[in-house]
Amino acid sequence: MAVVNTQPAPQDAATAGGPERGRRARRAKAGAAGGHLHGGWLTYTILAVFALGSIVPLVYSAIAASHSKARLSEATPPFWFGGRLFTNLERAWEDANLGKAMINTIFVASTITVSTVLFATLAGFAFAKLRFRAKNVLMLLVIGTMMVPPQLTVVPMFMAVAELEWSNHLQAVILPMMVSAFGVFFMRQYLVQALPTELIEAARVDGSNSLRVVWHVVFPAARPAMAVLGMLTFVLAWNEFFWPMIALTQQNPTVQVALTGLGQGYVPDQGVIMAGALLGTLPLLIAFVLFGKQIVGGIMHGALKG
């Protein structure tokens, strides 16, 4: 005699508990498998608002740069492009000596970025994985320097620059910014979690010296954080204004110092000023378009490692 099973078949985990629970289970399964998770309409609305708020100032700078001084002086501001964009760009390029300023700024920002990433990674590795006396005290001193306002260091730095006869030379801007306390702290916090101590010990057992350990173990593990720190450092160095304005002149300027020359005069031409600001922002936009995917990928890789 055949036995008939009258119990209901067990429900699948994706459908048990109703349609809503099934959707959540399928969404979690897709995320675990590396699929794309789709947000709701509220998420996309908030992202669109933030994206629009970020783009509007840049777009309006381009609109203002395409109009004459007389048009920008009217009571009703322009809301669309005019016909003087290239004229204002050419005038801003010539009046502010932006060609030399661009070369100087690229050299200064690149040098500061490379040195900051290198020294911060080495110091972060030392604070994260090496054992030496007063390590915690030294780390607290590094963090403490972040609490000192930059304005308090201007007078000592200017006295040192004047004593070394570096006024109006690029090294006066580069050397004080070759490493940052934030970079050391950032790399230390990352390497504590992302770099297993066992890898360092295994490299030591294989006969690697300190240089080989840093090159073959530390740098590959720290690459995502190095990319993020490099991006942040380059942007900060490119936009630095306070100290370059004191150490440099219009004869040997960076971009931010050169742009101050466009605002001189009894009635400054706002269209030319906006054109100069647009030219000063353009290299950062190009760099982010070219390397943005790698930078975001490094951030996500670091997040998954953590």
C-alpha atoms as a PDB file:
ATOM      1  CA  MET A   1       0.000   0.000   0.000  1.00  0.00           C
ATOM      2  CA  ALA A   2       1.437   3.364  -1.093  1.00  0.00           C
ATOM      3  CA  VAL A   3       1.883   6.057   1.528  1.00  0.00           C
ATOM      4  CA  VAL A   4       0.703   9.473   0.420  1.00  0.00           C
ATOM      5  CA  ASN A   5       2.526  12.436   1.922  1.00  0.00           C
ATOM      6  CA  THR A   6      -0.102  14.992   2.852  1.00  0.00           C
ATOM      7  CA  GLN A   7       2.295  17.560   4.335  1.00  0.00           C
ATOM      8  CA  PRO A   8       2.805  20.717   2.265  1.00  0.00           C
ATOM      9  CA  ALA A   9       6.089  21.033   0.420  1.00  0.00           C
ATOM     10  CA  PRO A  10       8.605  23.330   2.136  1.00  0.00           C
ATOM     11  CA  GLN A  11       8.680  26.790   0.689  1.00  0.00           C
ATOM     12  CA  ASP A  12      11.762  28.218  -0.909  1.00  0.00           C
ATOM     13  CA  ALA A  13      13.687  30.715   1.231  1.00  0.00           C
ATOM     14  CA  ALA A  14      13.186  33.375  -1.424  1.00  0.00           C
ATOM     15  CA  THR A  15       9.379  33.031  -1.340  1.00  0.00           C
ATOM     16  CA  ALA A  16       8.728  32.153   2.315  1.00  0.00           C
ATOM     17  CA  GLY A  17       7.061  34.892   4.294  1.00  0.00           C
ATOM     18  CA  GLY A  18       5.271  36.605   1.432  1.00  0.00           C
ATOM     19  CA  PRO A  19       6.353  38.562  -1.643  1.00  0.00           C
ATOM     20  CA  GLU A  20       8.130  41.338   0.271  1.00  0.00           C
ATOM     21  CA  ARG A  21      10.316  38.935   2.203  1.00  0.00           C
ATOM     22  CA  GLY A  22      11.028  37.055  -1.002  1.00  0.00           C
ATOM     23  CA  ARG A  23      12.190  40.248  -2.709  1.00  0.00           C
ATOM     24  CA  ARG A  24      14.495  41.040   0.210  1.00  0.00           C
ATOM     25  CA  ALA A  25      15.954  37.511   0.110  1.00  0.00           C
ATOM     26  CA  ARG A  26      16.568  37.697  -3.648  1.00  0.00           C
ATOM     27  CA  ARG A  27      18.134  41.159  -3.254  1.00  0.00           C
ATOM     28  CA  ALA A  28      20.476  39.881  -0.519  1.00  0.00           C
ATOM     29  CA  LYS A  29      21.358  36.859  -2.653  1.00  0.00           C
ATOM     30  CA  ALA A  30      22.158  39.098  -5.634  1.00  0.00           C
ATOM     31  CA  GLY A  31      24.355  41.315  -3.467  1.00  0.00           C
ATOM     32  CA  ALA A  32      26.221  38.321  -2.073  1.00  0.00           C
ATOM     33  CA  ALA A  33      26.804  37.000  -5.562  1.00  0.00           C
ATOM     34  CA  GLY A  34      28.284  40.304  -6.714  1.00  0.00           C
ATOM     35  CA  GLY A  35      25.179  41.528  -8.535  1.00  0.00           C
ATOM     36  CA  HIS A  36      23.943  45.103  -8.648  1.00  0.00           C
ATOM     37  CA  LEU A  37      21.577  46.322  -5.954  1.00  0.00           C
ATOM     38  CA  HIS A  38      18.979  48.828  -7.106  1.00  0.00           C
ATOM     39  CA  GLY A  39      17.768  51.599  -4.808  1.00  0.00           C
ATOM     40  CA  GLY A  40      14.293  53.007  -4.678  1.00  0.00           C
ATOM     41  CA  TRP A  41      13.002  56.258  -6.124  1.00  0.00           C
ATOM     42  CA  LEU A  42      13.895  58.174  -2.964  1.00  0.00           C
ATOM     43  CA  THR A  43      17.549  57.139  -3.234  1.00  0.00           C
ATOM     44  CA  TYR A  44      17.792  58.247  -6.851  1.00  0.00           C
ATOM     45  CA  THR A  45      15.991  61.517  -6.079  1.00  0.00           C
ATOM     46  CA  ILE A  46      18.435  62.391  -3.297  1.00  0.00           C
ATOM     47  CA  LEU A  47      21.419  61.487  -5.494  1.00  0.00           C
ATOM     48  CA  ALA A  48      20.042  63.590  -8.346  1.00  0.00           C
ATOM     49  CA  VAL A  49      19.577  66.595  -6.060  1.00  0.00           C
ATOM     50  CA  PHE A  50      23.135  66.347  -4.743  1.00  0.00           C
ATOM     51  CA  ALA A  51      24.544  65.860  -8.253  1.00  0.00           C
ATOM     52  CA  LEU A  52      22.603  68.877  -9.530  1.00  0.00           C
ATOM     53  CA  GLY A  53      23.772  70.991  -6.602  1.00  0.00           C
ATOM     54  CA  SER A  54      27.378  70.046  -7.373  1.00  0.00           C
ATOM     55  CA  ILE A  55      27.145  70.784 -11.090  1.00  0.00           C
ATOM     56  CA  VAL A  56      25.223  74.077 -10.964  1.00  0.00           C
ATOM     57  CA  PRO A  57      28.111  76.275  -9.646  1.00  0.00           C
ATOM     58  CA  LEU A  58      30.473  74.985 -12.345  1.00  0.00           C
ATOM     59  CA  VAL A  59      27.902  75.444 -15.103  1.00  0.00           C
ATOM     60  CA  TYR A  60      27.041  78.962 -13.961  1.00  0.00           C
ATOM     61  CA  SER A  61      30.745  79.849 -13.841  1.00  0.00           C
ATOM     62  CA  ALA A  62      30.941  78.872 -17.516  1.00  0.00           C
ATOM     63  CA  ILE A  63      27.800  80.919 -18.248  1.00  0.00           C
ATOM     64  CA  ALA A  64      29.216  83.990 -16.476  1.00  0.00           C
ATOM     65  CA  ALA A  65      32.553  83.535 -18.258  1.00  0.00           C
ATOM     66  CA  SER A  66      30.785  83.814 -21.622  1.00  0.00           C
ATOM     67  CA  HIS A  67      29.353  87.309 -21.016  1.00  0.00           C
ATOM     68  CA  SER A  68      30.762  90.800 -20.925  1.00  0.00           C
ATOM     69  CA  LYS A  69      31.225  92.961 -17.857  1.00  0.00           C
ATOM     70  CA  ALA A  70      28.278  95.155 -18.863  1.00  0.00           C
ATOM     71  CA  ARG A  71      25.917  92.189 -19.140  1.00  0.00           C
ATOM     72  CA  LEU A  72      26.966  90.793 -15.759  1.00  0.00           C
ATOM     73  CA  SER A  73      26.405  94.224 -14.175  1.00  0.00           C
ATOM     74  CA  GLU A  74      22.727  94.261 -15.109  1.00  0.00           C
ATOM     75  CA  ALA A  75      20.062  93.658 -12.478  1.00  0.00           C
ATOM     76  CA  THR A  76      18.929  90.395 -14.096  1.00  0.00           C
ATOM     77  CA  PRO A  77      21.793  87.882 -14.271  1.00  0.00           C
ATOM     78  CA  PRO A  78      22.218  85.780 -17.422  1.00  0.00           C
ATOM     79  CA  PHE A  79      20.942  82.211 -17.371  1.00  0.00           C
ATOM     80  CA  TRP A  80      22.377  81.015 -20.670  1.00  0.00           C
ATOM     81  CA  PHE A  81      25.669  81.122 -22.513  1.00  0.00           C
ATOM     82  CA  GLY A  82      26.817  84.236 -24.332  1.00  0.00           C
ATOM     83  CA  GLY A  83      29.312  84.729 -27.129  1.00  0.00           C
ATOM     84  CA  ARG A  84      32.423  85.904 -25.262  1.00  0.00           C
ATOM     85  CA  LEU A  85      33.617  82.651 -23.685  1.00  0.00           C
ATOM     86  CA  PHE A  86      36.763  82.160 -25.762  1.00  0.00           C
ATOM     87  CA  THR A  87      37.555  85.877 -25.686  1.00  0.00           C
ATOM     88  CA  ASN A  88      37.398  85.944 -21.887  1.00  0.00           C
ATOM     89  CA  LEU A  89      39.387  82.696 -21.639  1.00  0.00           C
ATOM     90  CA  GLU A  90      42.138  84.121 -23.834  1.00  0.00           C
ATOM     91  CA  ARG A  91      42.233  87.364 -21.881  1.00  0.00           C
ATOM     92  CA  ALA A  92      42.363  85.552 -18.534  1.00  0.00           C
ATOM     93  CA  TRP A  93      45.157  83.300 -19.811  1.00  0.00           C
ATOM     94  CA  GLU A  94      47.262  86.297 -20.870  1.00  0.00           C
ATOM     95  CA  ASP A  95      46.468  88.715 -18.017  1.00  0.00           C
ATOM     96  CA  ALA A  96      47.071  86.203 -15.197  1.00  0.00           C
ATOM     97  CA  ASN A  97      50.104  84.500 -16.773  1.00  0.00           C
ATOM     98  CA  LEU A  98      48.213  81.227 -16.409  1.00  0.00           C
ATOM     99  CA  GLY A  99      50.579  79.272 -18.659  1.00  0.00           C
ATOM    100  CA  LYS A 100      53.468  79.581 -16.205  1.00  0.00           C
ATOM    101  CA  ALA A 101      51.080  79.265 -13.262  1.00  0.00           C
ATOM    102  CA  MET A 102      49.729  75.940 -14.586  1.00  0.00           C
ATOM    103  CA  ILE A 103      53.223  74.504 -15.018  1.00  0.00           C
ATOM    104  CA  ASN A 104      54.234  75.653 -11.528  1.00  0.00           C
ATOM    105  CA  THR A 105      51.091  74.262  -9.927  1.00  0.00           C
ATOM    106  CA  ILE A 106      51.359  70.891 -11.669  1.00  0.00           C
ATOM    107  CA  PHE A 107      54.974  70.580 -10.511  1.00  0.00           C
ATOM    108  CA  VAL A 108      54.191  71.713  -6.952  1.00  0.00           C
ATOM    109  CA  ALA A 109      51.054  69.570  -6.545  1.00  0.00           C
ATOM    110  CA  SER A 110      52.682  66.466  -8.075  1.00  0.00           C
ATOM    111  CA  THR A 111      55.804  66.762  -5.926  1.00  0.00           C
ATOM    112  CA  ILE A 112      53.787  67.288  -2.749  1.00  0.00           C
ATOM    113  CA  THR A 113      51.503  64.356  -3.619  1.00  0.00           C
ATOM    114  CA  VAL A 114      54.335  61.900  -4.292  1.00  0.00           C
ATOM    115  CA  SER A 115      56.290  62.887  -1.178  1.00  0.00           C
ATOM    116  CA  THR A 116      53.219  62.879   1.071  1.00  0.00           C
ATOM    117  CA  VAL A 117      52.048  59.455  -0.097  1.00  0.00           C
ATOM    118  CA  LEU A 118      55.558  57.981   0.225  1.00  0.00           C
ATOM    119  CA  PHE A 119      56.434  59.395   3.637  1.00  0.00           C
ATOM    120  CA  ALA A 120      52.946  58.926   5.069  1.00  0.00           C
ATOM    121  CA  THR A 121      52.905  55.266   3.995  1.00  0.00           C
ATOM    122  CA  LEU A 122      56.310  54.603   5.525  1.00  0.00           C
ATOM    123  CA  ALA A 123      55.413  56.386   8.764  1.00  0.00           C
ATOM    124  CA  GLY A 124      51.988  54.746   8.884  1.00  0.00           C
ATOM    125  CA  PHE A 125      53.578  51.316   8.470  1.00  0.00           C
ATOM    126  CA  ALA A 126      56.035  52.059  11.272  1.00  0.00           C
ATOM    127  CA  PHE A 127      53.293  53.193  13.656  1.00  0.00           C
ATOM    128  CA  ALA A 128      51.010  50.299  12.685  1.00  0.00           C
ATOM    129  CA  LYS A 129      53.336  47.277  12.669  1.00  0.00           C
ATOM    130  CA  LEU A 130      56.774  48.081  14.072  1.00  0.00           C
ATOM    131  CA  ARG A 131      57.756  48.063  17.730  1.00  0.00           C
ATOM    132  CA  PHE A 132      59.871  50.907  19.112  1.00  0.00           C
ATOM    133  CA  ARG A 133      60.010  53.014  22.221  1.00  0.00           C
ATOM    134  CA  ALA A 134      57.514  55.834  22.764  1.00  0.00           C
ATOM    135  CA  LYS A 135      55.499  54.784  19.709  1.00  0.00           C
ATOM    136  CA  ASN A 136      52.170  55.811  21.197  1.00  0.00           C
ATOM    137  CA  VAL A 137      53.570  59.109  22.481  1.00  0.00           C
ATOM    138  CA  LEU A 138      54.961  59.992  19.069  1.00  0.00           C
ATOM    139  CA  MET A 139      51.643  59.100  17.442  1.00  0.00           C
ATOM    140  CA  LEU A 140      49.831  61.396  19.844  1.00  0.00           C
ATOM    141  CA  LEU A 141      52.265  64.190  18.975  1.00  0.00           C
ATOM    142  CA  VAL A 142      51.582  63.661  15.265  1.00  0.00           C
ATOM    143  CA  ILE A 143      47.831  63.850  15.879  1.00  0.00           C
ATOM    144  CA  GLY A 144      48.350  66.894  18.105  1.00  0.00           C
ATOM    145  CA  THR A 145      49.911  68.845  15.233  1.00  0.00           C
ATOM    146  CA  MET A 146      46.578  68.573  13.413  1.00  0.00           C
ATOM    147  CA  MET A 147      45.023  70.722  16.131  1.00  0.00           C
ATOM    148  CA  VAL A 148      47.409  73.662  15.571  1.00  0.00           C
ATOM    149  CA  PRO A 149      45.832  76.338  13.322  1.00  0.00           C
ATOM    150  CA  PRO A 150      47.887  76.828  10.130  1.00  0.00           C
ATOM    151  CA  GLN A 151      47.888  80.601  10.702  1.00  0.00           C
ATOM    152  CA  LEU A 152      50.124  80.145  13.764  1.00  0.00           C
ATOM    153  CA  THR A 153      52.886  78.582  11.668  1.00  0.00           C
ATOM    154  CA  VAL A 154      53.030  81.340   9.045  1.00  0.00           C
ATOM    155  CA  VAL A 155      55.448  83.647  10.870  1.00  0.00           C
ATOM    156  CA  PRO A 156      58.056  80.935  11.701  1.00  0.00           C
ATOM    157  CA  MET A 157      57.845  79.525   8.172  1.00  0.00           C
ATOM    158  CA  PHE A 158      58.216  82.973   6.605  1.00  0.00           C
ATOM    159  CA  MET A 159      61.249  83.705   8.790  1.00  0.00           C
ATOM    160  CA  ALA A 160      62.834  80.396   7.738  1.00  0.00           C
ATOM    161  CA  VAL A 161      62.096  81.046   4.054  1.00  0.00           C
ATOM    162  CA  ALA A 162      63.569  84.545   4.274  1.00  0.00           C
ATOM    163  CA  GLU A 163      66.682  83.223   6.046  1.00  0.00           C
ATOM    164  CA  LEU A 164      67.190  80.598   3.325  1.00  0.00           C
ATOM    165  CA  GLU A 165      66.520  83.204   0.585  1.00  0.00           C
ATOM    166  CA  TRP A 166      63.722  81.097  -0.881  1.00  0.00           C
ATOM    167  CA  SER A 167      61.175  83.885  -1.279  1.00  0.00           C
ATOM    168  CA  ASN A 168      59.351  83.634  -4.601  1.00  0.00           C
ATOM    169  CA  HIS A 169      60.823  80.155  -5.217  1.00  0.00           C
ATOM    170  CA  LEU A 170      58.736  76.996  -5.528  1.00  0.00           C
ATOM    171  CA  GLN A 171      60.684  75.123  -2.858  1.00  0.00           C
ATOM    172  CA  ALA A 172      59.265  77.568  -0.321  1.00  0.00           C
ATOM    173  CA  VAL A 173      55.825  76.092  -1.060  1.00  0.00           C
ATOM    174  CA  ILE A 174      56.866  72.467  -1.523  1.00  0.00           C
ATOM    175  CA  LEU A 175      59.052  71.721   1.508  1.00  0.00           C
ATOM    176  CA  PRO A 176      56.594  72.741   4.288  1.00  0.00           C
ATOM    177  CA  MET A 177      53.941  70.460   2.755  1.00  0.00           C
ATOM    178  CA  MET A 178      55.965  67.350   1.884  1.00  0.00           C
ATOM    179  CA  VAL A 179      54.203  65.275   4.548  1.00  0.00           C
ATOM    180  CA  SER A 180      51.010  65.745   6.516  1.00  0.00           C
ATOM    181  CA  ALA A 181      49.894  64.526   9.921  1.00  0.00           C
ATOM    182  CA  PHE A 182      46.546  63.531   8.441  1.00  0.00           C
ATOM    183  CA  GLY A 183      48.307  61.333   5.870  1.00  0.00           C
ATOM    184  CA  VAL A 184      50.320  59.540   8.554  1.00  0.00           C
ATOM    185  CA  PHE A 185      47.221  58.966  10.686  1.00  0.00           C
ATOM    186  CA  PHE A 186      45.177  57.846   7.674  1.00  0.00           C
ATOM    187  CA  MET A 187      47.764  55.312   6.503  1.00  0.00           C
ATOM    188  CA  ARG A 188      48.358  54.027  10.022  1.00  0.00           C
ATOM    189  CA  GLN A 189      44.650  53.353  10.551  1.00  0.00           C
ATOM    190  CA  TYR A 190      44.389  51.581   7.201  1.00  0.00           C
ATOM    191  CA  LEU A 191      47.478  49.388   7.591  1.00  0.00           C
ATOM    192  CA  VAL A 192      46.489  48.220  11.072  1.00  0.00           C
ATOM    193  CA  GLN A 193      43.605  46.267   9.499  1.00  0.00           C
ATOM    194  CA  ALA A 194      44.678  45.718   5.878  1.00  0.00           C
ATOM    195  CA  LEU A 195      48.216  44.429   6.472  1.00  0.00           C
ATOM    196  CA  PRO A 196      48.390  41.119   8.385  1.00  0.00           C
ATOM    197  CA  THR A 197      51.408  40.795  10.635  1.00  0.00           C
ATOM    198  CA  GLU A 198      51.839  37.221   9.403  1.00  0.00           C
ATOM    199  CA  LEU A 199      52.773  38.501   5.917  1.00  0.00           C
ATOM    200  CA  ILE A 200      55.578  40.596   7.359  1.00  0.00           C
ATOM    201  CA  GLU A 201      56.838  37.704   9.475  1.00  0.00           C
ATOM    202  CA  ALA A 202      56.723  35.353   6.475  1.00  0.00           C
ATOM    203  CA  ALA A 203      58.753  37.831   4.420  1.00  0.00           C
ATOM    204  CA  ARG A 204      61.293  38.083   7.235  1.00  0.00           C
ATOM    205  CA  VAL A 205      61.557  34.279   7.417  1.00  0.00           C
ATOM    206  CA  ASP A 206      62.214  34.177   3.663  1.00  0.00           C
ATOM    207  CA  GLY A 207      65.210  36.451   4.205  1.00  0.00           C
ATOM    208  CA  SER A 208      63.770  39.779   3.000  1.00  0.00           C
ATOM    209  CA  ASN A 209      65.299  42.932   4.395  1.00  0.00           C
ATOM    210  CA  SER A 210      63.284  45.981   5.413  1.00  0.00           C
ATOM    211  CA  LEU A 211      63.388  47.553   1.950  1.00  0.00           C
ATOM    212  CA  ARG A 212      62.085  44.402   0.255  1.00  0.00           C
ATOM    213  CA  VAL A 213      59.349  44.035   2.878  1.00  0.00           C
ATOM    214  CA  VAL A 214      58.186  47.595   2.230  1.00  0.00           C
ATOM    215  CA  TRP A 215      58.340  47.248  -1.555  1.00  0.00           C
ATOM    216  CA  HIS A 216      56.802  43.777  -1.943  1.00  0.00           C
ATOM    217  CA  VAL A 217      54.456  43.581   1.057  1.00  0.00           C
ATOM    218  CA  VAL A 218      53.561  47.015   2.429  1.00  0.00           C
ATOM    219  CA  PHE A 219      53.085  48.966  -0.806  1.00  0.00           C
ATOM    220  CA  PRO A 220      50.824  46.351  -2.504  1.00  0.00           C
ATOM    221  CA  ALA A 221      48.646  46.119   0.610  1.00  0.00           C
ATOM    222  CA  ALA A 222      48.470  49.903   0.987  1.00  0.00           C
ATOM    223  CA  ARG A 223      47.813  50.699  -2.686  1.00  0.00           C
ATOM    224  CA  PRO A 224      44.069  51.502  -2.322  1.00  0.00           C
ATOM    225  CA  ALA A 225      44.674  53.875   0.579  1.00  0.00           C
ATOM    226  CA  MET A 226      47.649  55.412  -1.233  1.00  0.00           C
ATOM    227  CA  ALA A 227      45.401  56.187  -4.215  1.00  0.00           C
ATOM    228  CA  VAL A 228      42.813  57.899  -2.006  1.00  0.00           C
ATOM    229  CA  LEU A 229      45.457  59.866  -0.090  1.00  0.00           C
ATOM    230  CA  GLY A 230      47.119  60.888  -3.348  1.00  0.00           C
ATOM    231  CA  MET A 231      43.857  62.206  -4.761  1.00  0.00           C
ATOM    232  CA  LEU A 232      43.047  64.200  -1.624  1.00  0.00           C
ATOM    233  CA  THR A 233      46.585  65.580  -1.371  1.00  0.00           C
ATOM    234  CA  PHE A 234      46.703  66.636  -5.026  1.00  0.00           C
ATOM    235  CA  VAL A 235      43.392  68.487  -4.767  1.00  0.00           C
ATOM    236  CA  LEU A 236      44.443  70.251  -1.557  1.00  0.00           C
ATOM    237  CA  ALA A 237      47.843  71.204  -2.999  1.00  0.00           C
ATOM    238  CA  TRP A 238      46.254  72.487  -6.208  1.00  0.00           C
ATOM    239  CA  ASN A 239      43.758  74.657  -4.318  1.00  0.00           C
ATOM    240  CA  GLU A 240      46.219  75.874  -1.654  1.00  0.00           C
ATOM    241  CA  PHE A 241      46.082  79.665  -1.492  1.00  0.00           C
ATOM    242  CA  PHE A 242      47.106  81.030   1.911  1.00  0.00           C
ATOM    243  CA  TRP A 243      50.781  80.072   2.104  1.00  0.00           C
ATOM    244  CA  PRO A 244      51.581  80.413  -1.657  1.00  0.00           C
ATOM    245  CA  MET A 245      50.076  83.902  -1.555  1.00  0.00           C
ATOM    246  CA  ILE A 246      52.644  84.842   1.117  1.00  0.00           C
ATOM    247  CA  ALA A 247      55.660  82.982  -0.288  1.00  0.00           C
ATOM    248  CA  LEU A 248      55.212  83.700  -4.012  1.00  0.00           C
ATOM    249  CA  THR A 249      54.501  86.706  -6.258  1.00  0.00           C
ATOM    250  CA  GLN A 250      52.810  87.297  -9.590  1.00  0.00           C
ATOM    251  CA  GLN A 251      56.155  86.797 -11.350  1.00  0.00           C
ATOM    252  CA  ASN A 252      56.369  83.136 -10.267  1.00  0.00           C
ATOM    253  CA  PRO A 253      52.832  82.182  -9.219  1.00  0.00           C
ATOM    254  CA  THR A 254      50.729  79.110  -8.747  1.00  0.00           C
ATOM    255  CA  VAL A 255      47.232  79.077 -10.244  1.00  0.00           C
ATOM    256  CA  GLN A 256      45.495  80.368  -7.120  1.00  0.00           C
ATOM    257  CA  VAL A 257      48.008  83.205  -6.739  1.00  0.00           C
ATOM    258  CA  ALA A 258      47.732  84.091 -10.431  1.00  0.00           C
ATOM    259  CA  LEU A 259      43.941  84.319 -10.242  1.00  0.00           C
ATOM    260  CA  THR A 260      44.184  87.094  -7.631  1.00  0.00           C
ATOM    261  CA  GLY A 261      45.665  89.320 -10.323  1.00  0.00           C
ATOM    262  CA  LEU A 262      42.400  89.176 -12.288  1.00  0.00           C
ATOM    263  CA  GLY A 263      40.477  90.910  -9.497  1.00  0.00           C
ATOM    264  CA  GLN A 264      42.596  94.039  -9.499  1.00  0.00           C
ATOM    265  CA  GLY A 265      41.370  97.347 -10.824  1.00  0.00           C
ATOM    266  CA  TYR A 266      38.644  99.812  -9.921  1.00  0.00           C
ATOM    267  CA  VAL A 267      35.887  97.738 -11.544  1.00  0.00           C
ATOM    268  CA  PRO A 268      37.036  94.109 -12.037  1.00  0.00           C
ATOM    269  CA  ASP A 269      35.719  92.237 -15.056  1.00  0.00           C
ATOM    270  CA  GLN A 270      33.675  89.415 -13.536  1.00  0.00           C
ATOM    271  CA  GLY A 271      33.517  87.557 -16.844  1.00  0.00           C
ATOM    272  CA  VAL A 272      37.317  87.370 -17.064  1.00  0.00           C
ATOM    273  CA  ILE A 273      37.550  86.323 -13.403  1.00  0.00           C
ATOM    274  CA  MET A 274      35.070  83.502 -13.982  1.00  0.00           C
ATOM    275  CA  ALA A 275      36.985  82.465 -17.095  1.00  0.00           C
ATOM    276  CA  GLY A 276      40.199  82.278 -15.079  1.00  0.00           C
ATOM    277  CA  ALA A 277      38.484  80.236 -12.365  1.00  0.00           C
ATOM    278  CA  LEU A 278      37.194  77.887 -15.046  1.00  0.00           C
ATOM    279  CA  LEU A 279      40.697  77.413 -16.451  1.00  0.00           C
ATOM    280  CA  GLY A 280      42.041  76.765 -12.955  1.00  0.00           C
ATOM    281  CA  THR A 281      39.419  74.074 -12.331  1.00  0.00           C
ATOM    282  CA  LEU A 282      39.758  72.345 -15.696  1.00  0.00           C
ATOM    283  CA  PRO A 283      42.906  70.258 -14.915  1.00  0.00           C
ATOM    284  CA  LEU A 284      41.259  68.778 -11.809  1.00  0.00           C
ATOM    285  CA  LEU A 285      38.198  67.806 -13.827  1.00  0.00           C
ATOM    286  CA  ILE A 286      40.353  66.194 -16.518  1.00  0.00           C
ATOM    287  CA  ALA A 287      42.346  64.271 -13.903  1.00  0.00           C
ATOM    288  CA  PHE A 288      39.184  62.989 -12.235  1.00  0.00           C
ATOM    289  CA  VAL A 289      37.650  61.955 -15.571  1.00  0.00           C
ATOM    290  CA  LEU A 290      40.825  60.060 -16.525  1.00  0.00           C
ATOM    291  CA  PHE A 291      41.579  58.460 -13.143  1.00  0.00           C
ATOM    292  CA  GLY A 292      38.223  58.568 -11.351  1.00  0.00           C
ATOM    293  CA  LYS A 293      37.400  54.946 -12.104  1.00  0.00           C
ATOM    294  CA  GLN A 294      40.729  53.736 -10.693  1.00  0.00           C
ATOM    295  CA  ILE A 295      40.345  55.947  -7.608  1.00  0.00           C
ATOM    296  CA  VAL A 296      36.818  54.727  -6.867  1.00  0.00           C
ATOM    297  CA  GLY A 297      37.917  51.165  -7.519  1.00  0.00           C
ATOM    298  CA  GLY A 298      40.737  51.600  -5.010  1.00  0.00           C
ATOM    299  CA  ILE A 299      38.308  52.960  -2.431  1.00  0.00           C
ATOM    300  CA  MET A 300      35.958  50.009  -2.907  1.00  0.00           C
ATOM    301  CA  HIS A 301      38.842  47.534  -2.820  1.00  0.00           C
ATOM    302  CA  GLY A 302      40.031  49.028   0.452  1.00  0.00           C
ATOM    303  CA  ALA A 303      36.532  48.938   1.879  1.00  0.00           C
ATOM    304  CA  LEU A 304      36.135  45.246   1.017  1.00  0.00           C
ATOM    305  CA  LYS A 305      39.526  44.477   2.570  1.00  0.00           C
ATOM    306  CA  GLY A 306      38.578  46.300   5.738  1.00  0.00           C
END
